[in-house]
C-alpha cells in the first residue's frame, strides 16, 4: 500500500487508506455507510473487515455507526504460510512486515499524526494538549480503554522477558544471524532519519491470530516479534501501559493486516448509552434499513432498554418515536438511557403488550424491533400473533424491520422446518450473487473468500420467504450476535390487511 503523507497541518492525503472491523453480517451495512457518510472510494471487504479510502477528518470518522473499530491501514497482504516452515523462518517472515517496507510505516505514522493535529486544531485544544502523540480523551473514554486493555497488558508483561529470549534464540538456531547483520547496518544508516524524527514515539503491539497460525503461535509471541523488529528498525520504545501509539496486527488463513487504531475507544462503545442492551451496531443497522424520513412515526413495540430507538433518534432526530414494553424494569431502563442521551423528549414510552397495542390501525409509518429469543423468551407460535398486530398498526406502504431467530423464521414459514440457506451454517452464496446484492464495483483477489456473514444477504432467502398477510419480505441478512446468529428481515406492507383492533391494552404513562 502506498500512502502519501500530507504536509504539516494539511488535510489527510487523498490516498489515506483505512479499515474497520465489523460484526459478521454487518459488512454490507458498513460498506454502504462509508460510501454515503464519508464519500469513500476503493471500498472492499474481507471477512469481518471493510477497507476504504477517504479524505475525511476525525470528526467525520467518529460518526461511523456500523463499525466496531477504525484503523489506519499500514499493510494488507496474503497470509503467512506456516504448514512447512520452521518457527525461525516464520519469525523472520513476520519481521519482514516491517523491514521490507519501512517507508509505508513512516508514511502511515505521518498521516496518523496529521489526523490528530487537525483534530486538535479543530477542537481548539490548548497548545500543551495539542501534541499529536498524546490525544486528549474524555474521562469515560479513559475508563473504557483501561478496561479493554488491562487483561491483555498483564498477560503480555508476564511473558515479555521470556519471549524475547526465545525469539532471539530461535532466530540464531535457524542460522539467521547472517541475514540480521546487514539489517542492523541498514538500521544504523538509512534508519537514522526515522530515529531522529520519531525518537519520542512509544508503542504497544496488539496481535490477533486465528486459523493455522494460531495453532503454532500465540498472539503474544507474534506481537513480541513485531515489537522487537519495530524497536530495531525505527528506534521506538515499547510501553505497554501508556504508549503514544498502538500497532494492531491480525494474522489468519486469508490475510495479514497491520494498522493503527485511530481512536482509543471502539466506535461501537457508545458514550451516550448508559445501560447496554442490543448491540449498538446491530440496532443502528436495523434503523438504517428502515429508511427513516423526517416526520415519520416510528414504533418499537418490544423496546426493552430502548437501544434501537436511541440509535435511530440520534441519527434521525426529526422523527416521532414511540416505544412500548410490558416490563416496568425495561421501561425504566429505557427511560434512563434516553435521559442520559438527552433524548427523553424525543421518544414516548408506553406500557403495553405487543399483541394488544393501544394504537389505531394503520397509524404507524415504520416498526423496528428486536423480537426476544432464547431460554428466557419462548414465544413459540406467538410470533405470528406479534406480526399480525404489527401488521394491523402499520400503514400501507410502511416498513417493518425485525431481528429474528432461526426458530422465528421457520415459524413464519407456516411451521415448516426449512432447509433454505438461512438454516444452514455451511451454505454458501456465490460471488456473483453477493456482488449483485451489495452492488460492488471493487473487488480484490483476497476478497474471493467470502465471509459466512454475507451468505444469507438478500436474494437467496427472499425467494423462499412467502408473504405474510399484507407483508412482503424485501431484504434479509444473517448477522452474528456473538454465540448465536440472527436474521434482520425487512418487510413492506403492500395492501390493507383488513385487520381490526380486537383489544386495547391500557396505555401507561411514560416512566
Protein backbone atom coordinates (compact mmCIF):
# COMPACT_ATOMS: atom_id res chain seq x y z
CA UNK A 1 0.00 0.00 0.00
CA UNK A 2 1.37 3.40 -0.98
CA UNK A 3 0.42 6.16 1.39
CA UNK A 4 1.38 9.75 0.58
CA UNK A 5 1.67 11.86 3.73
CA UNK A 6 0.38 15.37 3.70
CA UNK A 7 2.31 18.39 4.93
CA UNK A 8 2.07 19.75 8.46
CA UNK A 9 -1.42 20.98 9.19
CA UNK A 10 -2.77 19.90 5.80
CA UNK A 11 -5.81 17.72 5.21
CA UNK A 12 -5.34 13.94 5.13
CA UNK A 13 -3.92 12.76 1.82
CA UNK A 14 -6.43 11.62 -0.80
CA UNK A 15 -4.77 8.20 -0.65
CA UNK A 16 -5.27 7.71 3.11
CA UNK A 17 -6.43 4.13 3.49
CA UNK A 18 -8.48 2.85 6.43
CA UNK A 19 -10.23 -0.31 7.53
CA UNK A 20 -12.97 -1.02 10.03
CA UNK A 21 -13.76 -4.22 11.85
CA UNK A 22 -17.42 -5.23 11.76
CA UNK A 23 -19.60 -7.92 13.25
CA UNK A 24 -20.33 -10.83 10.94
CA UNK A 25 -23.15 -9.86 8.61
CA UNK A 26 -22.73 -6.11 9.05
CA UNK A 27 -20.18 -5.72 6.23
CA UNK A 28 -22.80 -4.65 3.65
CA UNK A 29 -24.19 -2.05 6.06
CA UNK A 30 -20.73 -0.68 6.75
CA UNK A 31 -19.84 -0.58 3.05
CA UNK A 32 -22.94 1.48 2.31
CA UNK A 33 -22.27 3.73 5.30
CA UNK A 34 -18.68 4.63 4.43
CA UNK A 35 -19.74 5.46 0.88
CA UNK A 36 -22.68 7.61 1.99
CA UNK A 37 -21.19 9.26 5.08
CA UNK A 38 -17.53 9.60 4.09
CA UNK A 39 -17.70 9.64 0.30
CA UNK A 40 -15.31 6.68 0.47
CA UNK A 41 -13.78 5.10 -2.62
CA UNK A 42 -12.00 1.78 -3.26
CA UNK A 43 -14.42 0.09 -0.87
CA UNK A 44 -13.59 -3.59 -0.39
CA UNK A 45 -14.46 -6.26 2.13
CA UNK A 46 -12.82 -9.26 3.69
CA UNK A 47 -14.20 -11.45 6.42
CA UNK A 48 -15.16 -9.11 9.26
CA UNK A 49 -13.38 -6.08 7.77
CA UNK A 50 -14.18 -3.29 5.33
CA UNK A 51 -11.37 -1.34 3.62
CA UNK A 52 -11.81 2.09 2.08
CA UNK A 53 -10.09 5.31 1.06
CA UNK A 54 -11.32 8.69 2.28
CA UNK A 55 -10.22 12.28 2.86
CA UNK A 56 -12.50 12.64 5.90
CA UNK A 57 -11.15 14.04 9.16
CA UNK A 58 -11.56 12.52 12.62
CA UNK A 59 -14.82 14.32 13.33
CA UNK A 60 -16.42 12.53 10.36
CA UNK A 61 -14.75 9.20 11.02
CA UNK A 62 -16.12 9.25 14.57
CA UNK A 63 -19.65 9.23 13.15
CA UNK A 64 -19.45 5.69 11.75
CA UNK A 65 -22.18 3.66 13.44
CA UNK A 66 -21.98 0.15 11.98
CA UNK A 67 -18.25 -0.34 12.67
CA UNK A 68 -16.64 -1.87 15.73
CA UNK A 69 -13.19 -0.26 15.47
CA UNK A 70 -11.41 2.01 12.97
CA UNK A 71 -7.79 1.64 11.85
CA UNK A 72 -5.39 3.47 9.59
CA UNK A 73 -4.07 0.79 7.25
CA UNK A 74 -0.32 0.14 7.11
CA UNK A 75 -0.24 -3.18 5.27
CA UNK A 76 -2.61 -5.73 3.78
CA UNK A 77 -1.16 -8.82 2.15
CA UNK A 78 -1.62 -12.53 1.64
CA UNK A 79 -1.36 -14.82 4.68
CA UNK A 80 1.82 -16.34 6.05
CA UNK A 81 2.44 -19.97 5.13
CA UNK A 82 3.03 -21.97 8.29
CA UNK A 83 2.47 -25.60 7.24
CA UNK A 84 6.04 -26.42 6.20
CA UNK A 85 8.01 -23.50 7.61
CA UNK A 86 10.11 -23.73 10.76
CA UNK A 87 9.48 -21.46 13.70
CA UNK A 88 12.56 -19.37 12.95
CA UNK A 89 11.53 -18.84 9.34
CA UNK A 90 8.08 -17.71 10.42
CA UNK A 91 9.62 -15.23 12.85
CA UNK A 92 11.78 -13.93 10.02
CA UNK A 93 8.76 -13.56 7.71
CA UNK A 94 6.92 -11.65 10.42
CA UNK A 95 9.82 -9.23 10.80
CA UNK A 96 9.77 -8.63 7.04
CA UNK A 97 6.40 -6.93 7.52
CA UNK A 98 8.48 -4.05 8.89
CA UNK A 99 11.94 -4.47 7.42
CA UNK A 100 10.99 -4.91 3.76
CA UNK A 101 8.96 -1.73 3.51
CA UNK A 102 9.75 0.74 6.32
CA UNK A 103 8.55 3.67 4.20
CA UNK A 104 4.93 2.52 4.40
CA UNK A 105 5.21 2.57 8.20
CA UNK A 106 6.70 6.07 8.29
CA UNK A 107 4.08 7.36 5.85
CA UNK A 108 1.27 5.87 7.93
CA UNK A 109 2.68 7.45 11.10
CA UNK A 110 2.87 10.81 9.31
CA UNK A 111 -0.77 10.58 8.22
CA UNK A 112 -1.80 9.49 11.72
CA UNK A 113 -0.01 12.49 13.25
CA UNK A 114 -1.63 14.86 10.75
CA UNK A 115 -5.08 13.50 11.56
CA UNK A 116 -4.52 14.14 15.26
CA UNK A 117 -3.07 17.61 14.65
CA UNK A 118 -6.07 18.58 12.56
CA UNK A 119 -8.44 17.28 15.21
CA UNK A 120 -6.59 19.19 17.93
CA UNK A 121 -6.77 22.42 15.94
CA UNK A 122 -10.44 21.90 15.15
CA UNK A 123 -11.27 21.39 18.82
CA UNK A 124 -9.04 24.38 19.72
CA UNK A 125 -7.14 22.45 22.35
CA UNK A 126 -4.54 24.38 24.35
CA UNK A 127 -1.06 24.09 22.88
CA UNK A 128 0.13 21.79 25.65
CA UNK A 129 -2.65 19.32 24.76
CA UNK A 130 -2.14 19.54 21.02
CA UNK A 131 0.83 17.14 21.00
CA UNK A 132 -0.14 14.76 18.15
CA UNK A 133 1.27 11.81 20.05
CA UNK A 134 -0.85 12.42 23.15
CA UNK A 135 -4.54 12.65 22.42
CA UNK A 136 -6.93 14.30 24.81
CA UNK A 137 -9.81 11.98 25.66
CA UNK A 138 -12.76 12.19 27.99
CA UNK A 139 -12.86 10.58 31.40
CA UNK A 140 -15.30 7.91 30.21
CA UNK A 141 -13.07 7.06 27.25
CA UNK A 142 -10.09 6.54 29.55
CA UNK A 143 -12.07 4.23 31.83
CA UNK A 144 -13.35 2.14 28.90
CA UNK A 145 -9.89 1.98 27.32
CA UNK A 146 -8.31 0.80 30.57
CA UNK A 147 -10.89 -1.96 30.96
CA UNK A 148 -10.30 -3.12 27.39
CA UNK A 149 -6.52 -3.38 27.80
CA UNK A 150 -5.94 -4.43 31.43
CA UNK A 151 -6.19 -8.17 30.81
CA UNK A 152 -4.04 -8.09 27.71
CA UNK A 153 -1.29 -5.99 29.32
CA UNK A 154 -0.99 -8.28 32.34
CA UNK A 155 -0.60 -11.32 30.11
CA UNK A 156 1.95 -9.60 27.87
CA UNK A 157 4.02 -8.33 30.79
CA UNK A 158 4.25 -11.79 32.36
CA UNK A 159 5.81 -13.29 29.21
CA UNK A 160 7.79 -10.28 27.95
CA UNK A 161 11.36 -11.19 29.00
CA UNK A 162 10.98 -14.92 28.37
CA UNK A 163 9.55 -14.44 24.89
CA UNK A 164 12.25 -12.00 23.78
CA UNK A 165 14.87 -14.57 24.74
CA UNK A 166 13.02 -17.34 22.90
CA UNK A 167 12.73 -15.23 19.73
CA UNK A 168 16.43 -14.36 19.75
CA UNK A 169 17.47 -17.97 20.44
CA UNK A 170 15.19 -19.34 17.73
CA UNK A 171 16.48 -16.93 15.11
CA UNK A 172 20.09 -17.79 15.99
CA UNK A 173 19.44 -21.53 15.96
CA UNK A 174 17.93 -21.22 12.48
CA UNK A 175 21.13 -19.56 11.17
CA UNK A 176 19.53 -16.20 10.55
CA UNK A 177 22.44 -14.31 12.09
CA UNK A 178 23.93 -13.56 8.68
CA UNK A 179 20.62 -12.16 7.47
CA UNK A 180 20.25 -9.97 10.54
CA UNK A 181 23.68 -8.36 10.32
CA UNK A 182 23.06 -6.33 7.13
CA UNK A 183 19.66 -5.44 8.54
CA UNK A 184 21.32 -3.93 11.63
CA UNK A 185 23.76 -1.99 9.44
CA UNK A 186 20.88 -0.68 7.33
CA UNK A 187 19.10 0.42 10.51
CA UNK A 188 22.16 2.37 11.61
CA UNK A 189 22.46 4.18 8.27
CA UNK A 190 19.16 4.57 6.39
CA UNK A 191 17.08 4.48 9.57
CA UNK A 192 18.91 7.36 11.26
CA UNK A 193 16.47 9.98 9.99
CA UNK A 194 13.49 7.99 11.25
CA UNK A 195 15.01 7.76 14.72
CA UNK A 196 15.78 11.47 14.80
CA UNK A 197 12.26 12.49 13.79
CA UNK A 198 10.35 9.90 15.83
CA UNK A 199 12.64 9.03 18.73
CA UNK A 200 9.98 10.17 21.21
CA UNK A 201 7.49 7.58 19.93
CA UNK A 202 6.42 4.81 22.30
CA UNK A 203 4.31 1.89 21.16
CA UNK A 204 2.41 -1.23 22.08
CA UNK A 205 1.56 -4.16 19.79
CA UNK A 206 -1.86 -5.82 19.87
CA UNK A 207 -1.90 -9.05 17.90
CA UNK A 208 -4.72 -11.39 16.94
CA UNK A 209 -4.06 -14.82 15.42
CA UNK A 210 -6.60 -17.27 14.02
CA UNK A 211 -6.58 -20.27 11.72
CA UNK A 212 -3.43 -22.34 11.13
CA UNK A 213 -1.02 -19.78 12.56
CA UNK A 214 -2.91 -19.72 15.87
CA UNK A 215 -2.18 -23.46 16.27
CA UNK A 216 1.56 -22.80 16.15
CA UNK A 217 2.00 -19.39 17.77
CA UNK A 218 0.28 -17.35 20.43
CA UNK A 219 -0.76 -13.75 19.81
CA UNK A 220 1.77 -12.69 22.45
CA UNK A 221 4.61 -14.40 20.58
CA UNK A 222 3.71 -12.76 17.29
CA UNK A 223 3.24 -9.38 18.95
CA UNK A 224 6.64 -9.65 20.61
CA UNK A 225 8.38 -10.46 17.32
CA UNK A 226 6.77 -7.42 15.72
CA UNK A 227 7.76 -5.30 18.71
CA UNK A 228 11.41 -6.32 18.52
CA UNK A 229 11.51 -5.53 14.80
CA UNK A 230 9.95 -2.09 15.34
CA UNK A 231 12.44 -1.22 18.07
CA UNK A 232 15.37 -2.21 15.88
CA UNK A 233 14.08 -0.63 12.68
CA UNK A 234 12.84 2.70 14.00
CA UNK A 235 14.30 3.08 17.48
CA UNK A 236 10.86 3.27 19.07
CA UNK A 237 10.44 2.34 22.70
CA UNK A 238 7.96 -0.26 23.90
CA UNK A 239 5.46 0.92 26.53
CA UNK A 240 2.66 -1.46 27.47
CA UNK A 241 0.85 0.94 29.81
CA UNK A 242 0.80 4.41 28.26
CA UNK A 243 2.02 4.19 24.67
CA UNK A 244 1.64 7.10 22.30
CA UNK A 245 0.68 4.69 19.52
CA UNK A 246 -0.73 1.18 19.24
CA UNK A 247 0.07 -1.22 16.40
CA UNK A 248 -2.63 -3.76 15.54
CA UNK A 249 -1.89 -6.91 13.56
CA UNK A 250 -4.31 -9.67 12.52
CA UNK A 251 -2.92 -12.90 11.07
CA UNK A 252 -5.15 -15.65 9.71
CA UNK A 253 -5.53 -18.03 6.77
CA UNK A 254 -6.94 -15.34 4.46
CA UNK A 255 -4.76 -12.28 5.02
CA UNK A 256 -2.20 -10.44 7.13
CA UNK A 257 -3.35 -6.96 8.11
CA UNK A 258 -1.45 -4.30 10.04
CA UNK A 259 -2.95 -0.98 11.13
CA UNK A 260 -3.05 1.80 13.71
CA UNK A 261 -6.20 2.21 15.84
CA UNK A 262 -7.48 5.71 15.12
CA UNK A 263 -9.47 6.00 18.35
CA UNK A 264 -8.63 4.67 21.79
CA UNK A 265 -12.20 3.57 22.45
CA UNK A 266 -14.08 1.37 19.91
CA UNK A 267 -16.69 3.15 17.81
CA UNK A 268 -19.25 0.57 18.94
CA UNK A 269 -18.82 1.64 22.60
CA UNK A 270 -21.35 4.45 22.58
CA UNK A 271 -20.66 7.06 25.24
CA UNK A 272 -24.33 8.10 25.22
CA UNK A 273 -25.70 4.66 26.19
CA UNK A 274 -25.94 4.26 29.96
CA UNK A 275 -27.10 0.62 30.07
CA UNK A 276 -26.29 -1.59 27.10
CA UNK A 277 -28.99 -3.76 25.58
CA UNK A 278 -28.92 -4.92 21.97
CA UNK A 279 -25.52 -4.38 20.33
CA UNK A 280 -25.49 -0.75 19.16
CA UNK A 281 -24.13 -1.62 15.71
CA UNK A 282 -26.98 -4.08 15.11
CA UNK A 283 -29.53 -1.54 16.35
CA UNK A 284 -28.16 1.14 14.01
CA UNK A 285 -28.08 -1.27 11.06
CA UNK A 286 -31.75 -2.13 11.62
CA UNK A 287 -32.70 1.54 11.79
CA UNK A 288 -30.72 2.34 8.64
CA UNK A 289 -32.53 -0.43 6.78
CA UNK A 290 -35.89 1.12 7.66
CA UNK A 291 -35.17 4.22 5.54
CA UNK A 292 -36.46 6.66 8.17
CA UNK A 293 -37.66 10.01 6.80
CA UNK A 294 -38.33 13.29 8.59
CA UNK A 295 -41.80 13.49 10.10
CA UNK A 296 -42.34 9.72 10.23
CA UNK A 297 -43.90 7.92 13.19
CA UNK A 298 -41.61 5.09 14.29
CA UNK A 299 -42.58 2.36 16.75
CA UNK A 300 -40.62 -0.28 18.65
CA UNK A 301 -43.35 -2.41 20.28
CA UNK A 302 -40.86 -4.50 22.28
CA UNK A 303 -38.36 -1.75 23.05
CA UNK A 304 -36.59 -3.23 26.09
CA UNK A 305 -33.85 -0.79 27.10
CA UNK A 306 -34.59 1.34 24.07
CA UNK A 307 -31.34 0.79 22.16
CA UNK A 308 -32.95 0.75 18.72
CA UNK A 309 -34.97 3.91 19.39
CA UNK A 310 -31.92 5.61 20.88
CA UNK A 311 -29.73 4.83 17.86
CA UNK A 312 -32.48 5.93 15.48
CA UNK A 313 -33.21 9.17 17.34
CA UNK A 314 -29.51 10.07 17.43
CA UNK A 315 -29.21 9.63 13.67
CA UNK A 316 -32.67 10.84 12.54
CA UNK A 317 -33.85 13.42 15.12
CA UNK A 318 -36.73 14.98 13.13
CA UNK A 319 -38.95 11.96 13.68
CA UNK A 320 -41.61 10.92 16.19
CA UNK A 321 -40.67 7.80 18.18
CA UNK A 322 -42.80 5.52 20.37
CA UNK A 323 -41.53 2.61 22.48
CA UNK A 324 -43.70 0.01 24.17
CA UNK A 325 -42.94 -2.84 26.55
CA UNK A 326 -44.78 -4.89 29.19
CA UNK A 327 -41.90 -4.78 31.68
CA UNK A 328 -41.68 -1.90 34.15
CA UNK A 329 -37.96 -2.54 34.73
CA UNK A 330 -37.22 -2.46 31.00
CA UNK A 331 -39.17 0.77 30.55
CA UNK A 332 -37.34 2.36 33.47
CA UNK A 333 -34.03 1.30 31.94
CA UNK A 334 -35.09 2.73 28.59
CA UNK A 335 -36.08 5.98 30.28
CA UNK A 336 -32.68 6.20 31.98
CA UNK A 337 -30.90 5.59 28.68
CA UNK A 338 -32.93 8.21 26.86
CA UNK A 339 -32.40 10.73 29.66
CA UNK A 340 -28.63 10.11 29.69
CA UNK A 341 -28.50 10.58 25.92
CA UNK A 342 -30.57 13.76 26.05
CA UNK A 343 -33.37 12.15 24.04
CA UNK A 344 -36.14 11.79 26.63
CA UNK A 345 -38.28 14.38 24.86
CA UNK A 346 -37.84 12.62 21.51
CA UNK A 347 -39.34 9.27 22.49
CA UNK A 348 -42.68 8.45 24.12
CA UNK A 349 -42.70 5.28 26.21
CA UNK A 350 -45.83 3.19 26.81
CA UNK A 351 -46.53 0.14 28.94
CA UNK A 352 -48.36 -2.15 26.56
CA UNK A 353 -48.40 -5.69 25.18
CA UNK A 354 -47.04 -6.24 21.69
CA UNK A 355 -50.15 -8.26 20.82
CA UNK A 356 -52.54 -5.55 22.10
CA UNK A 357 -51.06 -2.22 21.10
CA UNK A 358 -53.08 0.87 22.15
CA UNK A 359 -52.72 2.38 18.68
CA UNK A 360 -55.18 2.92 15.82
CA UNK A 361 -54.99 0.68 12.79
CA UNK A 362 -52.64 1.87 10.03
CA UNK A 363 -51.24 4.71 12.16
CA UNK A 364 -47.53 3.84 12.14
CA UNK A 365 -45.05 4.51 9.32
CA UNK A 366 -42.17 2.31 10.48
CA UNK A 367 -41.78 -0.52 13.00
CA UNK A 368 -38.32 -1.63 14.14
CA UNK A 369 -37.99 -4.31 16.79
CA UNK A 370 -35.73 -6.98 18.26
CA UNK A 371 -38.03 -9.96 18.82
CA UNK A 372 -36.74 -11.59 22.05
CA UNK A 373 -35.49 -15.16 21.82
CA UNK A 374 -33.50 -17.61 23.90
CA UNK A 375 -34.26 -19.62 27.02
CA UNK A 376 -35.92 -16.67 28.78
CA UNK A 377 -38.28 -15.96 25.90
CA UNK A 378 -40.21 -18.86 24.41
CA UNK A 379 -42.62 -17.12 22.11
CA UNK A 380 -43.43 -20.19 20.03
CA UNK A 381 -46.49 -19.65 17.90
CA UNK A 382 -46.95 -16.17 19.43
CA UNK A 383 -44.56 -14.86 16.79
CA UNK A 384 -47.43 -14.89 14.30
CA UNK A 385 -49.73 -13.02 16.67
CA UNK A 386 -46.99 -10.45 17.21
CA UNK A 387 -46.52 -9.92 13.49
CA UNK A 388 -50.28 -9.69 12.92
CA UNK A 389 -50.58 -6.87 15.47
CA UNK A 390 -47.65 -5.06 13.90
CA UNK A 391 -49.29 -5.52 10.52
CA UNK A 392 -52.51 -4.01 11.87
CA UNK A 393 -50.97 -0.77 13.14
CA UNK A 394 -48.70 -0.29 10.11
CA UNK A 395 -49.92 1.92 7.29
CA UNK A 396 -49.99 0.67 3.70
CA UNK A 397 -46.55 1.26 2.19
CA UNK A 398 -44.98 1.18 5.65
CA UNK A 399 -41.88 -0.78 6.65
CA UNK A 400 -41.15 -3.35 9.35
CA UNK A 401 -37.57 -4.30 10.28
CA UNK A 402 -37.24 -7.22 12.69
CA UNK A 403 -34.40 -9.13 14.31
CA UNK A 404 -35.47 -12.79 14.30
CA UNK A 405 -34.02 -16.10 15.41
CA UNK A 406 -33.92 -19.13 13.11
CA UNK A 407 -36.85 -20.58 15.03
CA UNK A 408 -38.86 -17.40 14.42
CA UNK A 409 -38.02 -17.61 10.74
CA UNK A 410 -39.18 -21.24 10.49
CA UNK A 411 -42.44 -20.48 12.28
CA UNK A 412 -43.14 -17.62 9.91
CA UNK A 413 -42.93 -20.20 7.12
CA UNK A 414 -46.12 -21.85 8.40
CA UNK A 415 -44.26 -24.02 10.88
CA UNK A 416 -42.30 -25.91 8.23
CA UNK A 417 -38.74 -26.86 9.07
CA UNK A 418 -37.00 -25.07 6.26
CA UNK A 419 -33.82 -26.28 4.58
CA UNK A 420 -33.20 -22.94 2.94
CA UNK A 421 -29.77 -21.26 3.11
CA UNK A 422 -30.88 -19.34 6.16
CA UNK A 423 -30.93 -22.51 8.21
CA UNK A 424 -27.61 -23.91 7.09
CA UNK A 425 -24.40 -22.65 8.61
CA UNK A 426 -22.40 -24.43 5.88
CA UNK A 427 -24.28 -22.91 2.96
CA UNK A 428 -22.55 -20.59 0.50
CA UNK A 429 -23.77 -17.83 -1.75
CA UNK A 430 -21.78 -17.50 -4.97
CA UNK A 431 -19.66 -14.41 -5.64
CA UNK A 432 -21.94 -13.07 -8.37
CA UNK A 433 -24.92 -13.21 -6.03
CA UNK A 434 -23.11 -11.25 -3.35
CA UNK A 435 -21.84 -8.73 -5.88
CA UNK A 436 -25.39 -8.20 -7.10
CA UNK A 437 -26.67 -7.92 -3.53
CA UNK A 438 -24.08 -5.37 -2.45
CA UNK A 439 -23.74 -3.55 -5.79
CA UNK A 440 -19.97 -3.94 -5.53
CA UNK A 441 -17.75 -2.22 -8.06
CA UNK A 442 -14.44 -3.01 -6.38
CA UNK A 443 -13.01 -6.46 -5.71
CA UNK A 444 -9.67 -7.79 -4.56
CA UNK A 445 -8.08 -11.16 -5.06
CA UNK A 446 -8.26 -11.87 -1.36
CA UNK A 447 -11.94 -11.00 -1.09
CA UNK A 448 -12.92 -14.01 -3.16
CA UNK A 449 -13.05 -15.87 0.14
CA UNK A 450 -16.38 -14.52 1.29
CA UNK A 451 -17.36 -14.27 4.93
CA UNK A 452 -20.14 -16.60 6.01
CA UNK A 453 -21.77 -13.47 7.40
CA UNK A 454 -22.74 -12.49 3.85
CA UNK A 455 -24.19 -15.87 2.90
CA UNK A 456 -27.80 -15.06 3.65
CA UNK A 457 -27.70 -11.50 2.41
CA UNK A 458 -30.77 -10.92 0.36
CA UNK A 459 -31.93 -12.79 -2.67
CA UNK A 460 -31.24 -16.37 -1.66
CA UNK A 461 -33.72 -16.25 1.23
CA UNK A 462 -36.28 -13.89 -0.23
CA UNK A 463 -37.38 -16.32 -2.93
CA UNK A 464 -38.34 -18.80 -0.21
CA UNK A 465 -39.95 -16.29 2.14
CA UNK A 466 -43.68 -16.15 1.36
CA UNK A 467 -45.83 -13.09 2.02
CA UNK A 468 -47.31 -12.94 5.49
CA UNK A 469 -50.75 -11.40 5.13
CA UNK A 470 -50.14 -7.98 3.60
CA UNK A 471 -46.43 -8.06 4.48
CA UNK A 472 -43.84 -8.98 1.86
CA UNK A 473 -40.20 -9.66 2.75
CA UNK A 474 -37.88 -7.46 0.71
CA UNK A 475 -34.45 -7.81 2.39
CA UNK A 476 -32.79 -10.33 4.66
CA UNK A 477 -29.36 -10.51 6.35
CA UNK A 478 -27.70 -13.08 8.57
CA UNK A 479 -25.85 -11.35 11.43
CA UNK A 480 -23.85 -12.52 14.42
CA UNK A 481 -24.89 -11.81 18.00
CA UNK A 482 -21.81 -13.47 19.43
CA UNK A 483 -22.67 -17.02 20.40
CA UNK A 484 -25.60 -17.25 18.04
CA UNK A 485 -26.78 -15.93 14.70
CA UNK A 486 -29.94 -14.00 13.95
CA UNK A 487 -31.61 -12.54 10.88
CA UNK A 488 -32.56 -8.99 10.07
CA UNK A 489 -35.73 -9.06 7.98
CA UNK A 490 -37.28 -6.10 6.22
CA UNK A 491 -40.95 -6.22 5.24
CA UNK A 492 -43.20 -3.86 3.30
CA UNK A 493 -46.95 -3.63 3.73
CA UNK A 494 -48.32 -3.79 0.20
CA UNK A 495 -52.06 -3.50 0.85
CA UNK A 496 -54.56 -3.02 3.66
CA UNK A 497 -54.59 -6.02 5.96
CA UNK A 498 -58.27 -5.71 6.89
CA UNK A 499 -57.32 -6.48 10.48
CA UNK A 500 -59.27 -4.65 13.16
CA UNK A 501 -58.28 -3.82 16.71
CA UNK A 502 -59.62 -6.71 18.79
CA UNK A 503 -58.49 -5.48 22.17
CA UNK A 504 -56.75 -2.48 23.59
CA UNK A 505 -54.24 -2.62 26.41
CA UNK A 506 -54.34 0.34 28.69
CA UNK A 507 -51.64 2.81 27.73
CA UNK A 508 -49.28 3.61 30.54
CA UNK A 509 -47.67 6.94 31.04
CA UNK A 510 -44.02 7.46 30.34
CA UNK A 511 -41.86 6.29 33.24
